[in-house]
């Protein structure tokens, strides 16, 4: 963990960028696998025109994401553009707490 947390400035060439990125990703994955840190990923796909994409068989009826290796929350516009879907993948214990959070519940609809 010490090598991961030490701050260093590193410059890489274009050719070394992808291998360096993979190496750093693997280092992070190893730390997470050991259970040394909790990782929660948050991202927003809002304003990406996913519902406008047409590969020849028409525009999508619904857009979603695949499984996440980490506990994550992904925000995505609804098809009509009037709302935001939150795709949340937490373990059971964290999800139970999340579903009871009053601040979170204030922004949800069912």
PDB file of N, CA and C in Angstrom:
ATOM      1  N   UNK A   1       0.826  -1.195   0.000  1.00  0.00           N
ATOM      2  CA  UNK A   1       0.000   0.000   0.000  1.00  0.00           C
ATOM      3  C   UNK A   1       0.862   1.247   0.000  1.00  0.00           C
ATOM      4  N   UNK A   2       2.034   1.191   0.645  1.00  0.00           N
ATOM      5  CA  UNK A   2       2.890   2.375   0.708  1.00  0.00           C
ATOM      6  C   UNK A   2       3.307   2.856  -0.674  1.00  0.00           C
ATOM      7  N   UNK A   3       3.668   1.921  -1.550  1.00  0.00           N
ATOM      8  CA  UNK A   3       4.095   2.326  -2.885  1.00  0.00           C
ATOM      9  C   UNK A   3       2.947   2.950  -3.669  1.00  0.00           C
ATOM     10  N   UNK A   4       1.728   2.521  -3.364  1.00  0.00           N
ATOM     11  CA  UNK A   4       0.559   3.058  -4.063  1.00  0.00           C
ATOM     12  C   UNK A   4       0.241   4.482  -3.608  1.00  0.00           C
ATOM     13  N   UNK A   5       0.457   4.779  -2.334  1.00  0.00           N
ATOM     14  CA  UNK A   5       0.061   6.082  -1.794  1.00  0.00           C
ATOM     15  C   UNK A   5       1.128   7.152  -1.938  1.00  0.00           C
ATOM     16  N   UNK A   6       2.362   6.774  -2.226  1.00  0.00           N
ATOM     17  CA  UNK A   6       3.411   7.774  -2.389  1.00  0.00           C
ATOM     18  C   UNK A   6       3.181   8.562  -3.667  1.00  0.00           C
ATOM     19  N   UNK A   7       3.295   9.857  -3.548  1.00  0.00           N
ATOM     20  CA  UNK A   7       3.050  10.726  -4.700  1.00  0.00           C
ATOM     21  C   UNK A   7       4.330  10.867  -5.515  1.00  0.00           C
ATOM     22  N   UNK A   8       4.228  10.602  -6.801  1.00  0.00           N
ATOM     23  CA  UNK A   8       5.364  10.752  -7.706  1.00  0.00           C
ATOM     24  C   UNK A   8       4.864  11.360  -9.003  1.00  0.00           C
ATOM     25  N   UNK A   9       5.678  12.194  -9.578  1.00  0.00           N
ATOM     26  CA  UNK A   9       5.360  12.692 -10.911  1.00  0.00           C
ATOM     27  C   UNK A   9       6.045  11.783 -11.906  1.00  0.00           C
ATOM     28  N   UNK A  10       5.281  11.260 -12.820  1.00  0.00           N
ATOM     29  CA  UNK A  10       5.816  10.347 -13.811  1.00  0.00           C
ATOM     30  C   UNK A  10       5.384  10.799 -15.190  1.00  0.00           C
ATOM     31  N   UNK A  11       6.316  10.821 -16.092  1.00  0.00           N
ATOM     32  CA  UNK A  11       6.012  11.168 -17.468  1.00  0.00           C
ATOM     33  C   UNK A  11       6.224   9.926 -18.323  1.00  0.00           C
ATOM     34  N   UNK A  12       5.277   9.635 -19.169  1.00  0.00           N
ATOM     35  CA  UNK A  12       5.382   8.470 -20.030  1.00  0.00           C
ATOM     36  C   UNK A  12       5.249   8.897 -21.484  1.00  0.00           C
ATOM     37  N   UNK A  13       5.842   8.109 -22.339  1.00  0.00           N
ATOM     38  CA  UNK A  13       5.721   8.376 -23.771  1.00  0.00           C
ATOM     39  C   UNK A  13       4.382   7.841 -24.253  1.00  0.00           C
ATOM     40  N   UNK A  14       3.998   8.224 -25.428  1.00  0.00           N
ATOM     41  CA  UNK A  14       2.741   7.744 -26.009  1.00  0.00           C
ATOM     42  C   UNK A  14       2.723   6.223 -26.083  1.00  0.00           C
ATOM     43  N   UNK A  15       3.852   5.629 -26.450  1.00  0.00           N
ATOM     44  CA  UNK A  15       3.936   4.174 -26.576  1.00  0.00           C
ATOM     45  C   UNK A  15       3.802   3.478 -25.226  1.00  0.00           C
ATOM     46  N   UNK A  16       4.261   4.127 -24.155  1.00  0.00           N
ATOM     47  CA  UNK A  16       4.222   3.521 -22.828  1.00  0.00           C
ATOM     48  C   UNK A  16       2.940   3.828 -22.066  1.00  0.00           C
ATOM     49  N   UNK A  17       2.080   4.667 -22.606  1.00  0.00           N
ATOM     50  CA  UNK A  17       0.896   5.111 -21.866  1.00  0.00           C
ATOM     51  C   UNK A  17      -0.030   3.946 -21.511  1.00  0.00           C
ATOM     52  N   UNK A  18      -0.387   3.130 -22.488  1.00  0.00           N
ATOM     53  CA  UNK A  18      -1.329   2.039 -22.218  1.00  0.00           C
ATOM     54  C   UNK A  18      -0.741   0.993 -21.271  1.00  0.00           C
ATOM     55  N   UNK A  19       0.494   0.517 -21.497  1.00  0.00           N
ATOM     56  CA  UNK A  19       1.065  -0.441 -20.539  1.00  0.00           C
ATOM     57  C   UNK A  19       1.184   0.146 -19.122  1.00  0.00           C
ATOM     58  N   UNK A  20       1.510   1.420 -19.019  1.00  0.00           N
ATOM     59  CA  UNK A  20       1.609   2.064 -17.707  1.00  0.00           C
ATOM     60  C   UNK A  20       0.241   2.133 -17.047  1.00  0.00           C
ATOM     61  N   UNK A  21      -0.768   2.479 -17.818  1.00  0.00           N
ATOM     62  CA  UNK A  21      -2.133   2.531 -17.293  1.00  0.00           C
ATOM     63  C   UNK A  21      -2.573   1.157 -16.794  1.00  0.00           C
ATOM     64  N   UNK A  22      -2.299   0.124 -17.570  1.00  0.00           N
ATOM     65  CA  UNK A  22      -2.645  -1.245 -17.149  1.00  0.00           C
ATOM     66  C   UNK A  22      -1.914  -1.648 -15.875  1.00  0.00           C
ATOM     67  N   UNK A  23      -0.645  -1.291 -15.784  1.00  0.00           N
ATOM     68  CA  UNK A  23       0.132  -1.626 -14.592  1.00  0.00           C
ATOM     69  C   UNK A  23      -0.468  -0.946 -13.365  1.00  0.00           C
ATOM     70  N   UNK A  24      -0.795   0.341 -13.465  1.00  0.00           N
ATOM     71  CA  UNK A  24      -1.378   1.066 -12.334  1.00  0.00           C
ATOM     72  C   UNK A  24      -2.755   0.511 -11.981  1.00  0.00           C
ATOM     73  N   UNK A  25      -3.539   0.161 -12.987  1.00  0.00           N
ATOM     74  CA  UNK A  25      -4.851  -0.439 -12.736  1.00  0.00           C
ATOM     75  C   UNK A  25      -4.701  -1.744 -11.983  1.00  0.00           C
ATOM     76  N   UNK A  26      -3.730  -2.564 -12.380  1.00  0.00           N
ATOM     77  CA  UNK A  26      -3.489  -3.842 -11.707  1.00  0.00           C
ATOM     78  C   UNK A  26      -3.023  -3.637 -10.266  1.00  0.00           C
ATOM     79  N   UNK A  27      -2.201  -2.617 -10.020  1.00  0.00           N
ATOM     80  CA  UNK A  27      -1.754  -2.314  -8.662  1.00  0.00           C
ATOM     81  C   UNK A  27      -2.954  -1.937  -7.786  1.00  0.00           C
ATOM     82  N   UNK A  28      -3.825  -1.127  -8.309  1.00  0.00           N
ATOM     83  CA  UNK A  28      -5.021  -0.727  -7.565  1.00  0.00           C
ATOM     84  C   UNK A  28      -5.891  -1.950  -7.289  1.00  0.00           C
ATOM     85  N   UNK A  29      -6.063  -2.790  -8.309  1.00  0.00           N
ATOM     86  CA  UNK A  29      -6.895  -3.985  -8.167  1.00  0.00           C
ATOM     87  C   UNK A  29      -6.339  -4.907  -7.076  1.00  0.00           C
ATOM     88  N   UNK A  30      -5.015  -5.059  -7.014  1.00  0.00           N
ATOM     89  CA  UNK A  30      -4.390  -5.905  -5.991  1.00  0.00           C
ATOM     90  C   UNK A  30      -4.668  -5.369  -4.590  1.00  0.00           C
ATOM     91  N   UNK A  31      -4.565  -4.058  -4.408  1.00  0.00           N
ATOM     92  CA  UNK A  31      -4.816  -3.438  -3.108  1.00  0.00           C
ATOM     93  C   UNK A  31      -6.269  -3.655  -2.699  1.00  0.00           C
ATOM     94  N   UNK A  32      -7.178  -3.488  -3.646  1.00  0.00           N
ATOM     95  CA  UNK A  32      -8.600  -3.682  -3.367  1.00  0.00           C
ATOM     96  C   UNK A  32      -8.876  -5.141  -3.026  1.00  0.00           C
ATOM     97  N   UNK A  33      -8.282  -6.064  -3.767  1.00  0.00           N
ATOM     98  CA  UNK A  33      -8.484  -7.494  -3.528  1.00  0.00           C
ATOM     99  C   UNK A  33      -8.030  -7.902  -2.130  1.00  0.00           C
ATOM    100  N   UNK A  34      -6.991  -7.280  -1.623  1.00  0.00           N
ATOM    101  CA  UNK A  34      -6.480  -7.594  -0.288  1.00  0.00           C
ATOM    102  C   UNK A  34      -7.397  -7.054   0.806  1.00  0.00           C
ATOM    103  N   UNK A  35      -8.340  -6.193   0.438  1.00  0.00           N
ATOM    104  CA  UNK A  35      -9.257  -5.629   1.414  1.00  0.00           C
ATOM    105  C   UNK A  35      -8.645  -4.498   2.227  1.00  0.00           C
ATOM    106  N   UNK A  36      -7.569  -3.905   1.731  1.00  0.00           N
ATOM    107  CA  UNK A  36      -6.892  -2.838   2.459  1.00  0.00           C
ATOM    108  C   UNK A  36      -7.623  -1.502   2.364  1.00  0.00           C
ATOM    109  N   UNK A  37      -8.439  -1.345   1.344  1.00  0.00           N
ATOM    110  CA  UNK A  37      -9.179  -0.095   1.156  1.00  0.00           C
ATOM    111  C   UNK A  37     -10.580  -0.412   0.641  1.00  0.00           C
ATOM    112  N   UNK A  38     -11.502   0.485   0.884  1.00  0.00           N
ATOM    113  CA  UNK A  38     -12.834   0.393   0.294  1.00  0.00           C
ATOM    114  C   UNK A  38     -12.862   1.317  -0.913  1.00  0.00           C
ATOM    115  N   UNK A  39     -13.344   0.815  -2.028  1.00  0.00           N
ATOM    116  CA  UNK A  39     -13.404   1.612  -3.246  1.00  0.00           C
ATOM    117  C   UNK A  39     -14.851   1.724  -3.687  1.00  0.00           C
ATOM    118  N   UNK A  40     -15.300   2.946  -3.896  1.00  0.00           N
ATOM    119  CA  UNK A  40     -16.638   3.213  -4.414  1.00  0.00           C
ATOM    120  C   UNK A  40     -16.457   4.086  -5.655  1.00  0.00           C
ATOM    121  N   UNK A  41     -16.860   3.569  -6.788  1.00  0.00           N
ATOM    122  CA  UNK A  41     -16.715   4.301  -8.040  1.00  0.00           C
ATOM    123  C   UNK A  41     -18.012   5.059  -8.330  1.00  0.00           C
ATOM    124  N   UNK A  42     -17.895   6.301  -8.727  1.00  0.00           N
ATOM    125  CA  UNK A  42     -19.036   7.114  -9.113  1.00  0.00           C
ATOM    126  C   UNK A  42     -18.738   7.719 -10.473  1.00  0.00           C
ATOM    127  N   UNK A  43     -19.716   7.616 -11.369  1.00  0.00           N
ATOM    128  CA  UNK A  43     -19.541   8.195 -12.693  1.00  0.00           C
ATOM    129  C   UNK A  43     -20.891   8.647 -13.226  1.00  0.00           C
ATOM    130  N   UNK A  44     -20.840   9.581 -14.136  1.00  0.00           N
ATOM    131  CA  UNK A  44     -22.069  10.059 -14.766  1.00  0.00           C
ATOM    132  C   UNK A  44     -21.962   9.897 -16.273  1.00  0.00           C
ATOM    133  N   UNK A  45     -22.978   9.242 -16.836  1.00  0.00           N
ATOM    134  CA  UNK A  45     -23.088   9.124 -18.281  1.00  0.00           C
ATOM    135  C   UNK A  45     -24.157  10.084 -18.795  1.00  0.00           C
ATOM    136  N   UNK A  46     -24.574  10.992 -17.951  1.00  0.00           N
ATOM    137  CA  UNK A  46     -25.597  11.952 -18.348  1.00  0.00           C
ATOM    138  C   UNK A  46     -25.085  12.820 -19.499  1.00  0.00           C
ATOM    139  N   UNK A  47     -26.008  13.166 -20.368  1.00  0.00           N
ATOM    140  CA  UNK A  47     -25.762  13.997 -21.542  1.00  0.00           C
ATOM    141  C   UNK A  47     -25.020  13.282 -22.669  1.00  0.00           C
ATOM    142  N   UNK A  48     -24.700  12.000 -22.487  1.00  0.00           N
ATOM    143  CA  UNK A  48     -24.189  11.226 -23.606  1.00  0.00           C
ATOM    144  C   UNK A  48     -25.407  10.781 -24.406  1.00  0.00           C
ATOM    145  N   UNK A  49     -25.366  10.903 -25.720  1.00  0.00           N
ATOM    146  CA  UNK A  49     -26.568  10.627 -26.530  1.00  0.00           C
ATOM    147  C   UNK A  49     -26.795   9.143 -26.821  1.00  0.00           C
ATOM    148  N   UNK A  50     -26.803   8.312 -25.781  1.00  0.00           N
ATOM    149  CA  UNK A  50     -26.978   6.874 -25.973  1.00  0.00           C
ATOM    150  C   UNK A  50     -28.287   6.541 -26.671  1.00  0.00           C
ATOM    151  N   UNK A  51     -29.332   7.278 -26.379  1.00  0.00           N
ATOM    152  CA  UNK A  51     -30.641   6.978 -26.963  1.00  0.00           C
ATOM    153  C   UNK A  51     -30.761   7.456 -28.409  1.00  0.00           C
ATOM    154  N   UNK A  52     -29.760   8.123 -28.915  1.00  0.00           N
ATOM    155  CA  UNK A  52     -29.769   8.587 -30.304  1.00  0.00           C
ATOM    156  C   UNK A  52     -28.990   7.657 -31.232  1.00  0.00           C
ATOM    157  N   UNK A  53     -28.286   6.687 -30.675  1.00  0.00           N
ATOM    158  CA  UNK A  53     -27.466   5.767 -31.460  1.00  0.00           C
ATOM    159  C   UNK A  53     -28.364   4.804 -32.237  1.00  0.00           C
ATOM    160  N   UNK A  54     -28.049   4.612 -33.503  1.00  0.00           N
ATOM    161  CA  UNK A  54     -28.811   3.680 -34.337  1.00  0.00           C
ATOM    162  C   UNK A  54     -27.823   2.853 -35.154  1.00  0.00           C
ATOM    163  N   UNK A  55     -27.738   1.564 -34.857  1.00  0.00           N
ATOM    164  CA  UNK A  55     -26.825   0.674 -35.569  1.00  0.00           C
ATOM    165  C   UNK A  55     -27.507  -0.012 -36.748  1.00  0.00           C
ATOM    166  N   UNK A  56     -28.662   0.488 -37.150  1.00  0.00           N
ATOM    167  CA  UNK A  56     -29.344  -0.070 -38.300  1.00  0.00           C
ATOM    168  C   UNK A  56     -30.655  -0.759 -37.966  1.00  0.00           C
ATOM    169  N   UNK A  57     -30.905  -1.003 -36.712  1.00  0.00           N
ATOM    170  CA  UNK A  57     -32.169  -1.646 -36.331  1.00  0.00           C
ATOM    171  C   UNK A  57     -33.016  -0.743 -35.446  1.00  0.00           C
ATOM    172  N   UNK A  58     -32.701   0.555 -35.458  1.00  0.00           N
ATOM    173  CA  UNK A  58     -33.475   1.535 -34.700  1.00  0.00           C
ATOM    174  C   UNK A  58     -32.775   1.969 -33.424  1.00  0.00           C
ATOM    175  N   UNK A  59     -33.294   3.018 -32.856  1.00  0.00           N
ATOM    176  CA  UNK A  59     -32.733   3.553 -31.618  1.00  0.00           C
ATOM    177  C   UNK A  59     -33.105   2.654 -30.440  1.00  0.00           C
ATOM    178  N   UNK A  60     -32.292   2.644 -29.407  1.00  0.00           N
ATOM    179  CA  UNK A  60     -32.579   1.756 -28.269  1.00  0.00           C
ATOM    180  C   UNK A  60     -33.840   2.158 -27.513  1.00  0.00           C
ATOM    181  N   UNK A  61     -34.513   1.165 -26.986  1.00  0.00           N
ATOM    182  CA  UNK A  61     -35.688   1.375 -26.158  1.00  0.00           C
ATOM    183  C   UNK A  61     -35.246   1.703 -24.739  1.00  0.00           C
ATOM    184  N   UNK A  62     -34.134   1.086 -24.322  1.00  0.00           N
ATOM    185  CA  UNK A  62     -33.631   1.271 -22.965  1.00  0.00           C
ATOM    186  C   UNK A  62     -32.130   1.056 -22.975  1.00  0.00           C
ATOM    187  N   UNK A  63     -31.408   1.815 -22.190  1.00  0.00           N
ATOM    188  CA  UNK A  63     -29.953   1.717 -22.087  1.00  0.00           C
ATOM    189  C   UNK A  63     -29.600   1.361 -20.648  1.00  0.00           C
ATOM    190  N   UNK A  64     -28.649   0.453 -20.484  1.00  0.00           N
ATOM    191  CA  UNK A  64     -28.195   0.088 -19.139  1.00  0.00           C
ATOM    192  C   UNK A  64     -26.699  -0.183 -19.190  1.00  0.00           C
ATOM    193  N   UNK A  65     -26.156  -0.571 -18.055  1.00  0.00           N
ATOM    194  CA  UNK A  65     -24.733  -0.885 -17.992  1.00  0.00           C
ATOM    195  C   UNK A  65     -24.547  -2.332 -17.580  1.00  0.00           C
ATOM    196  N   UNK A  66     -23.327  -2.820 -17.720  1.00  0.00           N
ATOM    197  CA  UNK A  66     -23.020  -4.193 -17.337  1.00  0.00           C
ATOM    198  C   UNK A  66     -22.537  -4.242 -15.897  1.00  0.00           C
ATOM    199  N   UNK A  67     -22.194  -5.400 -15.456  1.00  0.00           N
ATOM    200  CA  UNK A  67     -21.696  -5.628 -14.100  1.00  0.00           C
ATOM    201  C   UNK A  67     -20.456  -4.771 -13.827  1.00  0.00           C
ATOM    202  N   UNK A  68     -20.304  -4.345 -12.598  1.00  0.00           N
ATOM    203  CA  UNK A  68     -19.124  -3.599 -12.173  1.00  0.00           C
ATOM    204  C   UNK A  68     -18.313  -4.454 -11.208  1.00  0.00           C
ATOM    205  N   UNK A  69     -16.997  -4.474 -11.378  1.00  0.00           N
ATOM    206  CA  UNK A  69     -16.126  -5.248 -10.494  1.00  0.00           C
ATOM    207  C   UNK A  69     -15.991  -4.573  -9.126  1.00  0.00           C
ATOM    208  N   UNK A  70     -16.288  -3.288  -9.067  1.00  0.00           N
ATOM    209  CA  UNK A  70     -16.212  -2.541  -7.819  1.00  0.00           C
ATOM    210  C   UNK A  70     -17.605  -2.089  -7.417  1.00  0.00           C
ATOM    211  N   UNK A  71     -17.736  -1.698  -6.167  1.00  0.00           N
ATOM    212  CA  UNK A  71     -18.986  -1.080  -5.752  1.00  0.00           C
ATOM    213  C   UNK A  71     -19.058   0.254  -6.483  1.00  0.00           C
ATOM    214  N   UNK A  72     -20.170   0.482  -7.172  1.00  0.00           N
ATOM    215  CA  UNK A  72     -20.220   1.631  -8.055  1.00  0.00           C
ATOM    216  C   UNK A  72     -21.614   2.223  -8.150  1.00  0.00           C
ATOM    217  N   UNK A  73     -21.643   3.487  -8.535  1.00  0.00           N
ATOM    218  CA  UNK A  73     -22.892   4.177  -8.846  1.00  0.00           C
ATOM    219  C   UNK A  73     -22.690   4.881 -10.183  1.00  0.00           C
ATOM    220  N   UNK A  74     -23.577   4.591 -11.120  1.00  0.00           N
ATOM    221  CA  UNK A  74     -23.513   5.206 -12.446  1.00  0.00           C
ATOM    222  C   UNK A  74     -24.812   5.951 -12.688  1.00  0.00           C
ATOM    223  N   UNK A  75     -24.711   7.215 -13.070  1.00  0.00           N
ATOM    224  CA  UNK A  75     -25.879   8.030 -13.377  1.00  0.00           C
ATOM    225  C   UNK A  75     -26.073   8.063 -14.881  1.00  0.00           C
ATOM    226  N   UNK A  76     -27.333   7.949 -15.320  1.00  0.00           N
ATOM    227  CA  UNK A  76     -27.659   7.895 -16.744  1.00  0.00           C
ATOM    228  C   UNK A  76     -28.991   8.584 -16.968  1.00  0.00           C
ATOM    229  N   UNK A  77     -29.083   9.421 -17.986  1.00  0.00           N
ATOM    230  CA  UNK A  77     -30.349  10.083 -18.304  1.00  0.00           C
ATOM    231  C   UNK A  77     -31.422   9.051 -18.642  1.00  0.00           C
ATOM    232  N   UNK A  78     -32.678   9.365 -18.296  1.00  0.00           N
ATOM    233  CA  UNK A  78     -33.792   8.526 -18.733  1.00  0.00           C
ATOM    234  C   UNK A  78     -34.022   8.783 -20.220  1.00  0.00           C
ATOM    235  N   UNK A  79     -34.740   7.886 -20.867  1.00  0.00           N
ATOM    236  CA  UNK A  79     -34.964   8.019 -22.304  1.00  0.00           C
ATOM    237  C   UNK A  79     -35.655   9.328 -22.657  1.00  0.00           C
ATOM    238  N   UNK A  80     -36.647   9.748 -21.854  1.00  0.00           N
ATOM    239  CA  UNK A  80     -37.368  10.986 -22.159  1.00  0.00           C
ATOM    240  C   UNK A  80     -36.578  12.236 -21.765  1.00  0.00           C
ATOM    241  N   UNK A  81     -35.462  12.054 -21.067  1.00  0.00           N
ATOM    242  CA  UNK A  81     -34.620  13.183 -20.696  1.00  0.00           C
ATOM    243  C   UNK A  81     -35.111  13.966 -19.491  1.00  0.00           C
ATOM    244  N   UNK A  82     -36.208  13.509 -18.873  1.00  0.00           N
ATOM    245  CA  UNK A  82     -36.777  14.226 -17.732  1.00  0.00           C
ATOM    246  C   UNK A  82     -36.268  13.726 -16.386  1.00  0.00           C
ATOM    247  N   UNK A  83     -35.403  12.745 -16.383  1.00  0.00           N
ATOM    248  CA  UNK A  83     -34.932  12.202 -15.117  1.00  0.00           C
ATOM    249  C   UNK A  83     -33.571  11.566 -15.252  1.00  0.00           C
ATOM    250  N   UNK A  84     -33.106  11.032 -14.160  1.00  0.00           N
ATOM    251  CA  UNK A  84     -31.809  10.362 -14.129  1.00  0.00           C
ATOM    252  C   UNK A  84     -31.988   9.027 -13.428  1.00  0.00           C
ATOM    253  N   UNK A  85     -31.459   7.971 -14.049  1.00  0.00           N
ATOM    254  CA  UNK A  85     -31.425   6.661 -13.421  1.00  0.00           C
ATOM    255  C   UNK A  85     -30.090   6.524 -12.698  1.00  0.00           C
ATOM    256  N   UNK A  86     -30.107   5.916 -11.541  1.00  0.00           N
ATOM    257  CA  UNK A  86     -28.879   5.633 -10.797  1.00  0.00           C
ATOM    258  C   UNK A  86     -28.719   4.124 -10.716  1.00  0.00           C
ATOM    259  N   UNK A  87     -27.698   3.612 -11.365  1.00  0.00           N
ATOM    260  CA  UNK A  87     -27.383   2.189 -11.310  1.00  0.00           C
ATOM    261  C   UNK A  87     -26.367   2.006 -10.191  1.00  0.00           C
ATOM    262  N   UNK A  88     -26.805   1.393  -9.100  1.00  0.00           N
ATOM    263  CA  UNK A  88     -25.972   1.274  -7.907  1.00  0.00           C
ATOM    264  C   UNK A  88     -25.708  -0.203  -7.627  1.00  0.00           C
ATOM    265  N   UNK A  89     -24.434  -0.561  -7.528  1.00  0.00           N
ATOM    266  CA  UNK A  89     -24.040  -1.933  -7.216  1.00  0.00           C
ATOM    267  C   UNK A  89     -23.150  -1.906  -5.983  1.00  0.00           C
ATOM    268  N   UNK A  90     -23.752  -2.213  -4.836  1.00  0.00           N
ATOM    269  CA  UNK A  90     -23.025  -2.294  -3.570  1.00  0.00           C
ATOM    270  C   UNK A  90     -23.187  -3.707  -3.026  1.00  0.00           C
ATOM    271  N   UNK A  91     -22.324  -4.081  -2.071  1.00  0.00           N
ATOM    272  CA  UNK A  91     -22.544  -5.361  -1.415  1.00  0.00           C
ATOM    273  C   UNK A  91     -23.798  -5.242  -0.543  1.00  0.00           C
ATOM    274  N   UNK A  92     -24.292  -6.363  -0.041  1.00  0.00           N
ATOM    275  CA  UNK A  92     -25.577  -6.369   0.674  1.00  0.00           C
ATOM    276  C   UNK A  92     -25.602  -5.423   1.869  1.00  0.00           C
ATOM    277  N   UNK A  93     -24.540  -5.405   2.647  1.00  0.00           N
ATOM    278  CA  UNK A  93     -24.499  -4.564   3.846  1.00  0.00           C
ATOM    279  C   UNK A  93     -24.532  -3.079   3.479  1.00  0.00           C
ATOM    280  N   UNK A  94     -23.717  -2.674   2.515  1.00  0.00           N
ATOM    281  CA  UNK A  94     -23.699  -1.271   2.098  1.00  0.00           C
ATOM    282  C   UNK A  94     -25.003  -0.876   1.419  1.00  0.00           C
ATOM    283  N   UNK A  95     -25.591  -1.806   0.642  1.00  0.00           N
ATOM    284  CA  UNK A  95     -26.853  -1.504  -0.030  1.00  0.00           C
ATOM    285  C   UNK A  95     -27.973  -1.295   0.984  1.00  0.00           C
ATOM    286  N   UNK A  96     -27.992  -2.097   2.029  1.00  0.00           N
ATOM    287  CA  UNK A  96     -29.015  -1.936   3.070  1.00  0.00           C
ATOM    288  C   UNK A  96     -28.925  -0.544   3.700  1.00  0.00           C
ATOM    289  N   UNK A  97     -27.719  -0.082   3.967  1.00  0.00           N
ATOM    290  CA  UNK A  97     -27.534   1.265   4.521  1.00  0.00           C
ATOM    291  C   UNK A  97     -27.932   2.335   3.506  1.00  0.00           C
ATOM    292  N   UNK A  98     -27.533   2.124   2.267  1.00  0.00           N
ATOM    293  CA  UNK A  98     -27.837   3.076   1.192  1.00  0.00           C
ATOM    294  C   UNK A  98     -29.346   3.245   1.027  1.00  0.00           C
ATOM    295  N   UNK A  99     -30.078   2.133   1.058  1.00  0.00           N
ATOM    296  CA  UNK A  99     -31.526   2.170   0.844  1.00  0.00           C
ATOM    297  C   UNK A  99     -32.287   2.805   2.005  1.00  0.00           C
ATOM    298  N   UNK A 100     -31.631   2.976   3.134  1.00  0.00           N
ATOM    299  CA  UNK A 100     -32.276   3.608   4.281  1.00  0.00           C
ATOM    300  C   UNK A 100     -31.859   5.064   4.479  1.00  0.00           C
ATOM    301  N   UNK A 101     -30.934   5.547   3.671  1.00  0.00           N
ATOM    302  CA  UNK A 101     -30.417   6.909   3.824  1.00  0.00           C
ATOM    303  C   UNK A 101     -31.487   7.925   3.421  1.00  0.00           C
ATOM    304  N   UNK A 102     -31.904   8.762   4.351  1.00  0.00           N
ATOM    305  CA  UNK A 102     -32.986   9.727   4.089  1.00  0.00           C
ATOM    306  C   UNK A 102     -32.613  10.738   3.012  1.00  0.00           C
ATOM    307  N   UNK A 103     -31.361  11.147   2.982  1.00  0.00           N
ATOM    308  CA  UNK A 103     -30.934  12.102   1.947  1.00  0.00           C
ATOM    309  C   UNK A 103     -31.043  11.484   0.552  1.00  0.00           C
ATOM    310  N   UNK A 104     -30.656  10.228   0.431  1.00  0.00           N
ATOM    311  CA  UNK A 104     -30.782   9.525  -0.847  1.00  0.00           C
ATOM    312  C   UNK A 104     -32.247   9.345  -1.197  1.00  0.00           C
ATOM    313  N   UNK A 105     -33.044   8.886  -0.249  1.00  0.00           N
ATOM    314  CA  UNK A 105     -34.477   8.639  -0.503  1.00  0.00           C
ATOM    315  C   UNK A 105     -35.218   9.896  -0.923  1.00  0.00           C
ATOM    316  N   UNK A 106     -34.766  11.061  -0.474  1.00  0.00           N
ATOM    317  CA  UNK A 106     -35.430  12.324  -0.830  1.00  0.00           C
ATOM    318  C   UNK A 106     -35.344  12.609  -2.331  1.00  0.00           C
ATOM    319  N   UNK A 107     -34.366  12.007  -3.005  1.00  0.00           N
ATOM    320  CA  UNK A 107     -34.184  12.257  -4.439  1.00  0.00           C
ATOM    321  C   UNK A 107     -34.662  11.110  -5.321  1.00  0.00           C
ATOM    322  N   UNK A 108     -35.338  10.134  -4.747  1.00  0.00           N
ATOM    323  CA  UNK A 108     -35.773   8.986  -5.530  1.00  0.00           C
ATOM    324  C   UNK A 108     -37.263   9.002  -5.815  1.00  0.00           C
ATOM    325  N   UNK A 109     -37.629   8.250  -6.820  1.00  0.00           N
ATOM    326  CA  UNK A 109     -39.044   8.048  -7.136  1.00  0.00           C
ATOM    327  C   UNK A 109     -39.226   6.569  -7.450  1.00  0.00           C
ATOM    328  N   UNK A 110     -40.442   6.089  -7.302  1.00  0.00           N
ATOM    329  CA  UNK A 110     -40.683   4.678  -7.601  1.00  0.00           C
ATOM    330  C   UNK A 110     -41.927   4.517  -8.409  1.00  0.00           C
TER     331      UNK A 110
END
